[in-house]
Amino acid sequence: MKIWQMLLAALALLVGTASAQANEAAPDFTLKSTTGENLRLAEQRGTVVMLNFWASWCAPCRKEMPLLDELYQRYKDAGFVLYGVNVESDTAAADKLLEDIPVSFPVLYDPTSKVSKLYNVDAMPTTILIDRDGSIRYVNRGYRSGDEEKYRTQIKELIRE
C-alpha cells in the first residue's frame, strides 16, 4: 500500500470516528463544578442533557453563552439540563469570563481534557444533546448566529419523546 493510500485510509477512519458519535451511548463522567460540587452525567438519566464545550478565548462561545442561558431557563422545568464544560487547563480564565457573562446553568471544569477527548471535541464550541435514555442524538460543532433556533428545535424534540 502506498503512503497516500495509507493516509487516505487513516483519514477515513478518523472522519468515521468523529461522525459516529450520534446514536451512541454518551460516555459517563464526573467533573467538578464552579460551586466545588462534583457532578456526574449518569445521574441525569431520564433528563435531556445538553453539553456545551467552551473556552474563554473562543469568541463564538462568548456570544452563545447568554443564548444558552435563555434556553436553559426556558426548558429546565421540562426535564432539561445544560452543562457548560470549560476545556481550559487553567480555570482562572473561565472564572473571569463567568464574572463578565454570568449564567445560571452549571459550569464544569475539564482541565485535563479527559471528557473532551471522550466526546471527540475538535471545535469550539461543541454542543452535544443527549436523550433521556443516555444516547447522543445531536452533535453541533461551532456556532453561528441563529444556531440557537436549531438547538431549540432539537431540545423540544427530545423533551417530547
N, C-alpha and C. Protein backbone atom coordinates (compact mmCIF):
# COMPACT_ATOMS: atom_id res chain seq x y z
N MET A 1 0.86 -1.18 0.00
CA MET A 1 0.00 0.00 0.00
C MET A 1 0.90 1.24 0.00
N LYS A 2 0.57 2.19 -0.87
CA LYS A 2 1.36 3.41 -0.96
C LYS A 2 1.03 4.33 0.20
N ILE A 3 1.95 5.25 0.46
CA ILE A 3 1.78 6.17 1.59
C ILE A 3 0.49 6.96 1.46
N TRP A 4 0.18 7.49 0.27
CA TRP A 4 -1.04 8.30 0.13
C TRP A 4 -2.29 7.47 0.36
N GLN A 5 -2.25 6.17 0.04
CA GLN A 5 -3.40 5.30 0.30
C GLN A 5 -3.57 5.07 1.80
N MET A 6 -2.44 4.92 2.48
CA MET A 6 -2.50 4.74 3.94
C MET A 6 -3.03 6.02 4.60
N LEU A 7 -2.60 7.18 4.11
CA LEU A 7 -3.09 8.44 4.66
C LEU A 7 -4.59 8.59 4.43
N LEU A 8 -5.06 8.25 3.25
CA LEU A 8 -6.50 8.32 2.97
C LEU A 8 -7.29 7.36 3.85
N ALA A 9 -6.76 6.17 4.05
CA ALA A 9 -7.42 5.19 4.92
C ALA A 9 -7.48 5.71 6.36
N ALA A 10 -6.38 6.29 6.82
CA ALA A 10 -6.34 6.85 8.18
C ALA A 10 -7.32 8.00 8.30
N LEU A 11 -7.37 8.88 7.29
CA LEU A 11 -8.30 10.00 7.30
C LEU A 11 -9.75 9.50 7.32
N ALA A 12 -10.06 8.50 6.53
CA ALA A 12 -11.42 7.94 6.50
C ALA A 12 -11.78 7.37 7.87
N LEU A 13 -10.83 6.72 8.51
CA LEU A 13 -11.08 6.18 9.84
C LEU A 13 -11.36 7.30 10.83
N LEU A 14 -10.56 8.37 10.77
CA LEU A 14 -10.77 9.50 11.67
C LEU A 14 -12.12 10.15 11.44
N VAL A 15 -12.47 10.39 10.19
CA VAL A 15 -13.75 11.02 9.88
C VAL A 15 -14.89 10.12 10.35
N GLY A 16 -14.77 8.84 10.12
CA GLY A 16 -15.80 7.90 10.58
C GLY A 16 -15.96 7.92 12.08
N THR A 17 -14.86 8.02 12.81
CA THR A 17 -14.90 8.05 14.26
C THR A 17 -15.57 9.32 14.75
N ALA A 18 -15.22 10.45 14.16
CA ALA A 18 -15.76 11.73 14.61
C ALA A 18 -17.26 11.82 14.35
N SER A 19 -17.73 11.27 13.25
CA SER A 19 -19.15 11.40 12.92
C SER A 19 -19.98 10.26 13.50
N ALA A 20 -19.36 9.27 14.09
CA ALA A 20 -20.09 8.12 14.61
C ALA A 20 -20.67 8.38 15.99
N GLN A 21 -20.54 9.60 16.51
CA GLN A 21 -21.00 9.87 17.86
C GLN A 21 -22.51 9.80 18.00
N ALA A 22 -23.24 10.32 17.04
CA ALA A 22 -24.69 10.34 17.16
C ALA A 22 -25.23 8.92 17.28
N ASN A 23 -26.21 8.75 18.15
CA ASN A 23 -26.88 7.48 18.42
C ASN A 23 -26.02 6.47 19.17
N GLU A 24 -24.93 6.92 19.75
CA GLU A 24 -24.14 6.06 20.62
C GLU A 24 -24.41 6.45 22.06
N ALA A 25 -24.14 5.55 22.98
CA ALA A 25 -24.30 5.86 24.41
C ALA A 25 -23.33 6.98 24.79
N ALA A 26 -23.83 7.94 25.52
CA ALA A 26 -22.99 9.05 25.97
C ALA A 26 -22.05 8.54 27.05
N PRO A 27 -20.74 8.73 26.88
CA PRO A 27 -19.79 8.28 27.92
C PRO A 27 -20.06 9.01 29.24
N ASP A 28 -20.06 8.25 30.32
CA ASP A 28 -20.28 8.83 31.65
C ASP A 28 -19.01 9.54 32.11
N PHE A 29 -19.19 10.54 32.95
CA PHE A 29 -18.06 11.27 33.53
C PHE A 29 -18.52 11.96 34.80
N THR A 30 -17.54 12.35 35.60
CA THR A 30 -17.78 13.19 36.77
C THR A 30 -16.78 14.33 36.70
N LEU A 31 -17.27 15.57 36.82
CA LEU A 31 -16.41 16.75 36.81
C LEU A 31 -16.81 17.67 37.95
N LYS A 32 -15.85 18.46 38.39
CA LYS A 32 -16.09 19.46 39.42
C LYS A 32 -16.75 20.68 38.79
N SER A 33 -17.72 21.25 39.51
CA SER A 33 -18.42 22.43 39.01
C SER A 33 -17.83 23.69 39.64
N THR A 34 -18.30 24.84 39.17
CA THR A 34 -17.83 26.11 39.71
C THR A 34 -18.17 26.26 41.18
N THR A 35 -19.16 25.51 41.65
CA THR A 35 -19.54 25.57 43.07
C THR A 35 -18.68 24.65 43.94
N GLY A 36 -17.81 23.85 43.29
CA GLY A 36 -16.97 22.90 44.02
C GLY A 36 -17.60 21.52 44.11
N GLU A 37 -18.85 21.42 43.69
CA GLU A 37 -19.58 20.15 43.73
C GLU A 37 -19.18 19.29 42.52
N ASN A 38 -19.07 17.98 42.74
CA ASN A 38 -18.83 17.05 41.63
C ASN A 38 -20.17 16.68 41.03
N LEU A 39 -20.27 16.77 39.69
CA LEU A 39 -21.49 16.41 39.00
C LEU A 39 -21.20 15.25 38.06
N ARG A 40 -22.11 14.27 38.07
CA ARG A 40 -21.94 13.06 37.26
C ARG A 40 -23.05 12.99 36.21
N LEU A 41 -22.67 12.74 34.98
CA LEU A 41 -23.63 12.68 33.89
C LEU A 41 -24.69 11.60 34.12
N ALA A 42 -24.29 10.42 34.57
CA ALA A 42 -25.22 9.29 34.74
C ALA A 42 -26.37 9.64 35.68
N GLU A 43 -26.16 10.59 36.57
CA GLU A 43 -27.23 10.98 37.50
C GLU A 43 -28.34 11.75 36.79
N GLN A 44 -28.14 12.12 35.55
CA GLN A 44 -29.14 12.86 34.79
C GLN A 44 -29.99 11.96 33.88
N ARG A 45 -29.80 10.65 33.98
CA ARG A 45 -30.60 9.72 33.17
C ARG A 45 -32.07 10.03 33.39
N GLY A 46 -32.85 10.06 32.31
CA GLY A 46 -34.26 10.43 32.38
C GLY A 46 -34.49 11.90 32.08
N THR A 47 -33.39 12.64 31.89
CA THR A 47 -33.43 14.06 31.57
C THR A 47 -32.74 14.27 30.23
N VAL A 48 -33.19 15.26 29.48
CA VAL A 48 -32.50 15.66 28.26
C VAL A 48 -31.32 16.53 28.69
N VAL A 49 -30.12 16.19 28.20
CA VAL A 49 -28.90 16.89 28.63
C VAL A 49 -28.23 17.53 27.42
N MET A 50 -27.84 18.78 27.61
CA MET A 50 -27.01 19.47 26.63
C MET A 50 -25.64 19.68 27.26
N LEU A 51 -24.60 19.23 26.56
CA LEU A 51 -23.22 19.51 26.96
C LEU A 51 -22.69 20.55 26.00
N ASN A 52 -22.21 21.65 26.54
CA ASN A 52 -21.63 22.70 25.70
C ASN A 52 -20.18 22.87 26.11
N PHE A 53 -19.27 22.39 25.24
CA PHE A 53 -17.84 22.50 25.49
C PHE A 53 -17.37 23.86 24.99
N TRP A 54 -16.71 24.64 25.86
CA TRP A 54 -16.34 26.01 25.53
C TRP A 54 -15.00 26.40 26.16
N ALA A 55 -14.48 27.53 25.69
CA ALA A 55 -13.24 28.09 26.23
C ALA A 55 -13.38 29.61 26.27
N SER A 56 -12.71 30.24 27.22
CA SER A 56 -12.83 31.70 27.38
C SER A 56 -12.25 32.47 26.20
N TRP A 57 -11.29 31.90 25.50
CA TRP A 57 -10.66 32.57 24.36
C TRP A 57 -11.49 32.47 23.09
N CYS A 58 -12.57 31.74 23.13
CA CYS A 58 -13.41 31.46 21.95
C CYS A 58 -14.51 32.52 21.82
N ALA A 59 -14.39 33.39 20.81
CA ALA A 59 -15.38 34.46 20.61
C ALA A 59 -16.79 33.91 20.37
N PRO A 60 -16.98 32.88 19.53
CA PRO A 60 -18.35 32.34 19.36
C PRO A 60 -18.91 31.77 20.67
N CYS A 61 -18.05 31.22 21.52
CA CYS A 61 -18.51 30.69 22.82
C CYS A 61 -19.08 31.83 23.66
N ARG A 62 -18.36 32.96 23.69
CA ARG A 62 -18.80 34.12 24.46
C ARG A 62 -20.16 34.62 23.94
N LYS A 63 -20.31 34.65 22.63
CA LYS A 63 -21.55 35.14 22.03
C LYS A 63 -22.72 34.22 22.35
N GLU A 64 -22.47 32.93 22.37
CA GLU A 64 -23.54 31.96 22.54
C GLU A 64 -23.96 31.76 24.00
N MET A 65 -23.10 32.06 24.96
CA MET A 65 -23.41 31.75 26.37
C MET A 65 -24.72 32.38 26.87
N PRO A 66 -24.98 33.67 26.63
CA PRO A 66 -26.28 34.21 27.10
C PRO A 66 -27.47 33.54 26.41
N LEU A 67 -27.30 33.16 25.17
CA LEU A 67 -28.38 32.49 24.43
C LEU A 67 -28.63 31.10 25.00
N LEU A 68 -27.56 30.40 25.36
CA LEU A 68 -27.71 29.09 26.00
C LEU A 68 -28.40 29.24 27.35
N ASP A 69 -28.07 30.30 28.08
CA ASP A 69 -28.71 30.52 29.37
C ASP A 69 -30.21 30.73 29.21
N GLU A 70 -30.61 31.43 28.14
CA GLU A 70 -32.04 31.61 27.87
C GLU A 70 -32.71 30.26 27.61
N LEU A 71 -32.05 29.40 26.82
CA LEU A 71 -32.61 28.06 26.56
C LEU A 71 -32.73 27.27 27.86
N TYR A 72 -31.70 27.34 28.69
CA TYR A 72 -31.72 26.62 29.97
C TYR A 72 -32.90 27.11 30.82
N GLN A 73 -33.06 28.42 30.93
CA GLN A 73 -34.14 28.97 31.74
C GLN A 73 -35.51 28.55 31.20
N ARG A 74 -35.63 28.52 29.89
CA ARG A 74 -36.91 28.18 29.28
C ARG A 74 -37.31 26.73 29.46
N TYR A 75 -36.34 25.79 29.38
CA TYR A 75 -36.67 24.36 29.35
C TYR A 75 -36.27 23.57 30.60
N LYS A 76 -35.65 24.19 31.57
CA LYS A 76 -35.16 23.44 32.74
C LYS A 76 -36.28 22.76 33.52
N ASP A 77 -37.47 23.35 33.53
CA ASP A 77 -38.59 22.75 34.26
C ASP A 77 -39.31 21.67 33.45
N ALA A 78 -38.85 21.46 32.20
CA ALA A 78 -39.48 20.47 31.33
C ALA A 78 -38.63 19.21 31.20
N GLY A 79 -37.64 19.04 32.09
CA GLY A 79 -36.79 17.86 32.03
C GLY A 79 -35.54 18.06 31.20
N PHE A 80 -34.97 19.25 31.28
CA PHE A 80 -33.78 19.60 30.50
C PHE A 80 -32.71 20.18 31.43
N VAL A 81 -31.46 19.76 31.21
CA VAL A 81 -30.34 20.35 31.95
C VAL A 81 -29.23 20.67 30.95
N LEU A 82 -28.52 21.73 31.23
CA LEU A 82 -27.41 22.15 30.39
C LEU A 82 -26.16 22.22 31.27
N TYR A 83 -25.11 21.55 30.83
CA TYR A 83 -23.81 21.65 31.50
C TYR A 83 -22.85 22.36 30.55
N GLY A 84 -22.32 23.48 30.99
CA GLY A 84 -21.24 24.14 30.25
C GLY A 84 -19.95 23.51 30.70
N VAL A 85 -19.17 22.97 29.78
CA VAL A 85 -17.92 22.28 30.13
C VAL A 85 -16.74 23.10 29.62
N ASN A 86 -16.04 23.74 30.55
CA ASN A 86 -14.87 24.53 30.18
C ASN A 86 -13.69 23.60 29.97
N VAL A 87 -12.96 23.80 28.86
CA VAL A 87 -11.91 22.86 28.46
C VAL A 87 -10.50 23.36 28.75
N GLU A 88 -10.36 24.48 29.44
CA GLU A 88 -9.04 25.07 29.66
C GLU A 88 -8.33 24.44 30.85
N SER A 89 -7.01 24.33 30.75
CA SER A 89 -6.24 23.74 31.84
C SER A 89 -6.19 24.67 33.05
N ASP A 90 -6.25 25.97 32.83
CA ASP A 90 -6.27 26.96 33.91
C ASP A 90 -7.69 27.50 34.03
N THR A 91 -8.35 27.24 35.13
CA THR A 91 -9.75 27.63 35.29
C THR A 91 -9.93 29.11 35.59
N ALA A 92 -8.87 29.83 35.86
CA ALA A 92 -8.98 31.26 36.20
C ALA A 92 -9.61 32.06 35.07
N ALA A 93 -9.25 31.75 33.82
CA ALA A 93 -9.83 32.48 32.69
C ALA A 93 -11.33 32.21 32.57
N ALA A 94 -11.73 30.98 32.85
CA ALA A 94 -13.16 30.65 32.83
C ALA A 94 -13.90 31.41 33.92
N ASP A 95 -13.32 31.44 35.11
CA ASP A 95 -13.95 32.15 36.22
C ASP A 95 -14.12 33.64 35.90
N LYS A 96 -13.11 34.23 35.26
CA LYS A 96 -13.18 35.64 34.88
C LYS A 96 -14.29 35.86 33.86
N LEU A 97 -14.38 34.99 32.87
CA LEU A 97 -15.43 35.13 31.86
C LEU A 97 -16.81 35.03 32.50
N LEU A 98 -16.96 34.12 33.46
CA LEU A 98 -18.26 33.93 34.11
C LEU A 98 -18.64 35.13 34.99
N GLU A 99 -17.65 35.92 35.40
CA GLU A 99 -17.96 37.18 36.09
C GLU A 99 -18.53 38.18 35.10
N ASP A 100 -17.98 38.20 33.89
CA ASP A 100 -18.41 39.13 32.84
C ASP A 100 -19.72 38.69 32.18
N ILE A 101 -19.88 37.39 32.02
CA ILE A 101 -21.08 36.82 31.38
C ILE A 101 -21.63 35.75 32.31
N PRO A 102 -22.35 36.16 33.35
CA PRO A 102 -22.88 35.16 34.30
C PRO A 102 -23.97 34.31 33.66
N VAL A 103 -23.98 33.03 34.01
CA VAL A 103 -25.00 32.10 33.54
C VAL A 103 -25.58 31.35 34.73
N SER A 104 -26.80 30.86 34.57
CA SER A 104 -27.45 30.15 35.67
C SER A 104 -27.29 28.63 35.56
N PHE A 105 -26.85 28.13 34.39
CA PHE A 105 -26.67 26.69 34.25
C PHE A 105 -25.34 26.27 34.87
N PRO A 106 -25.23 25.00 35.30
CA PRO A 106 -23.99 24.52 35.92
C PRO A 106 -22.83 24.54 34.92
N VAL A 107 -21.70 25.03 35.40
CA VAL A 107 -20.47 25.04 34.60
C VAL A 107 -19.48 24.09 35.25
N LEU A 108 -18.93 23.21 34.42
CA LEU A 108 -17.99 22.19 34.88
C LEU A 108 -16.61 22.46 34.32
N TYR A 109 -15.59 21.99 35.03
CA TYR A 109 -14.20 22.15 34.58
C TYR A 109 -13.65 20.82 34.08
N ASP A 110 -13.04 20.86 32.90
CA ASP A 110 -12.37 19.69 32.31
C ASP A 110 -10.91 20.07 32.02
N PRO A 111 -10.13 20.36 33.09
CA PRO A 111 -8.78 20.89 32.89
C PRO A 111 -7.79 19.92 32.25
N THR A 112 -8.07 18.63 32.30
CA THR A 112 -7.16 17.65 31.69
C THR A 112 -7.66 17.21 30.31
N SER A 113 -8.79 17.74 29.88
CA SER A 113 -9.42 17.41 28.59
C SER A 113 -9.85 15.95 28.50
N LYS A 114 -9.96 15.28 29.61
CA LYS A 114 -10.37 13.88 29.62
C LYS A 114 -11.77 13.70 29.01
N VAL A 115 -12.71 14.54 29.44
CA VAL A 115 -14.07 14.42 28.94
C VAL A 115 -14.16 14.91 27.50
N SER A 116 -13.43 15.96 27.18
CA SER A 116 -13.39 16.48 25.81
C SER A 116 -12.93 15.39 24.84
N LYS A 117 -11.95 14.61 25.25
CA LYS A 117 -11.47 13.51 24.41
C LYS A 117 -12.51 12.41 24.29
N LEU A 118 -13.22 12.12 25.38
CA LEU A 118 -14.28 11.10 25.34
C LEU A 118 -15.35 11.45 24.30
N TYR A 119 -15.59 12.74 24.13
CA TYR A 119 -16.63 13.21 23.21
C TYR A 119 -16.07 13.71 21.87
N ASN A 120 -14.81 13.44 21.62
CA ASN A 120 -14.17 13.83 20.34
C ASN A 120 -14.37 15.30 20.02
N VAL A 121 -14.21 16.15 21.02
CA VAL A 121 -14.37 17.59 20.80
C VAL A 121 -13.20 18.09 19.98
N ASP A 122 -13.52 18.62 18.79
CA ASP A 122 -12.48 19.10 17.89
C ASP A 122 -12.77 20.50 17.37
N ALA A 123 -13.79 21.15 17.95
CA ALA A 123 -14.13 22.52 17.55
C ALA A 123 -14.68 23.24 18.78
N MET A 124 -14.52 24.55 18.79
CA MET A 124 -15.05 25.36 19.89
C MET A 124 -16.08 26.31 19.31
N PRO A 125 -17.26 26.35 19.90
CA PRO A 125 -17.78 25.41 20.88
C PRO A 125 -18.26 24.13 20.20
N THR A 126 -18.44 23.10 21.00
CA THR A 126 -19.11 21.88 20.55
C THR A 126 -20.28 21.66 21.50
N THR A 127 -21.45 21.46 20.92
CA THR A 127 -22.67 21.29 21.72
C THR A 127 -23.29 19.94 21.37
N ILE A 128 -23.49 19.13 22.42
CA ILE A 128 -23.98 17.77 22.25
C ILE A 128 -25.29 17.63 23.01
N LEU A 129 -26.29 17.04 22.37
CA LEU A 129 -27.56 16.77 23.03
C LEU A 129 -27.72 15.27 23.25
N ILE A 130 -28.09 14.93 24.47
CA ILE A 130 -28.23 13.55 24.91
C ILE A 130 -29.69 13.32 25.31
N ASP A 131 -30.27 12.24 24.81
CA ASP A 131 -31.68 11.97 25.11
C ASP A 131 -31.86 11.37 26.51
N ARG A 132 -33.10 11.16 26.89
CA ARG A 132 -33.43 10.68 28.24
C ARG A 132 -32.86 9.29 28.53
N ASP A 133 -32.60 8.52 27.47
CA ASP A 133 -32.03 7.18 27.64
C ASP A 133 -30.51 7.19 27.71
N GLY A 134 -29.89 8.37 27.58
CA GLY A 134 -28.44 8.47 27.66
C GLY A 134 -27.71 8.28 26.35
N SER A 135 -28.42 8.43 25.22
CA SER A 135 -27.79 8.31 23.91
C SER A 135 -27.53 9.68 23.31
N ILE A 136 -26.38 9.82 22.67
CA ILE A 136 -26.07 11.06 21.97
C ILE A 136 -26.96 11.13 20.75
N ARG A 137 -27.68 12.24 20.61
CA ARG A 137 -28.59 12.39 19.49
C ARG A 137 -28.14 13.46 18.50
N TYR A 138 -27.54 14.53 19.00
CA TYR A 138 -27.09 15.61 18.12
C TYR A 138 -25.71 16.08 18.53
N VAL A 139 -24.87 16.32 17.54
CA VAL A 139 -23.54 16.88 17.76
C VAL A 139 -23.45 18.12 16.87
N ASN A 140 -23.27 19.27 17.50
CA ASN A 140 -23.20 20.55 16.80
C ASN A 140 -21.80 21.13 17.02
N ARG A 141 -21.05 21.32 15.95
CA ARG A 141 -19.69 21.85 16.05
C ARG A 141 -19.68 23.30 15.60
N GLY A 142 -19.07 24.16 16.42
CA GLY A 142 -19.01 25.58 16.10
C GLY A 142 -20.32 26.26 16.46
N TYR A 143 -20.34 27.58 16.25
CA TYR A 143 -21.56 28.35 16.50
C TYR A 143 -21.61 29.52 15.51
N ARG A 144 -22.79 29.67 14.91
CA ARG A 144 -23.10 30.82 14.06
C ARG A 144 -24.41 31.42 14.54
N SER A 145 -24.56 32.73 14.38
CA SER A 145 -25.81 33.39 14.77
C SER A 145 -26.99 32.62 14.19
N GLY A 146 -27.97 32.38 15.05
CA GLY A 146 -29.16 31.65 14.62
C GLY A 146 -29.13 30.18 15.01
N ASP A 147 -27.96 29.64 15.38
CA ASP A 147 -27.89 28.23 15.77
C ASP A 147 -28.76 27.92 16.98
N GLU A 148 -29.05 28.95 17.79
CA GLU A 148 -29.89 28.70 18.97
C GLU A 148 -31.28 28.22 18.57
N GLU A 149 -31.75 28.58 17.37
CA GLU A 149 -33.04 28.06 16.89
C GLU A 149 -32.95 26.57 16.60
N LYS A 150 -31.81 26.15 16.04
CA LYS A 150 -31.59 24.72 15.81
C LYS A 150 -31.56 23.99 17.15
N TYR A 151 -30.87 24.56 18.14
CA TYR A 151 -30.82 23.94 19.47
C TYR A 151 -32.23 23.83 20.05
N ARG A 152 -33.01 24.90 19.91
CA ARG A 152 -34.38 24.90 20.46
C ARG A 152 -35.20 23.77 19.86
N THR A 153 -35.10 23.59 18.55
CA THR A 153 -35.82 22.52 17.86
C THR A 153 -35.37 21.15 18.37
N GLN A 154 -34.07 20.97 18.52
CA GLN A 154 -33.53 19.69 18.99
C GLN A 154 -33.97 19.41 20.43
N ILE A 155 -33.91 20.42 21.28
CA ILE A 155 -34.31 20.26 22.68
C ILE A 155 -35.79 19.87 22.76
N LYS A 156 -36.64 20.61 22.06
CA LYS A 156 -38.08 20.33 22.09
C LYS A 156 -38.39 18.93 21.60
N GLU A 157 -37.71 18.51 20.55
CA GLU A 157 -37.92 17.15 20.03
C GLU A 157 -37.60 16.11 21.09
N LEU A 158 -36.47 16.25 21.75
CA LEU A 158 -36.05 15.26 22.75
C LEU A 158 -36.91 15.32 24.01
N ILE A 159 -37.37 16.48 24.39
CA ILE A 159 -38.26 16.58 25.56
C ILE A 159 -39.59 15.88 25.27
N ARG A 160 -40.08 15.99 24.05
CA ARG A 160 -41.38 15.40 23.69
C ARG A 160 -41.34 13.89 23.60
N GLU A 161 -40.17 13.30 23.41
CA GLU A 161 -40.08 11.83 23.27
C GLU A 161 -40.43 11.11 24.55
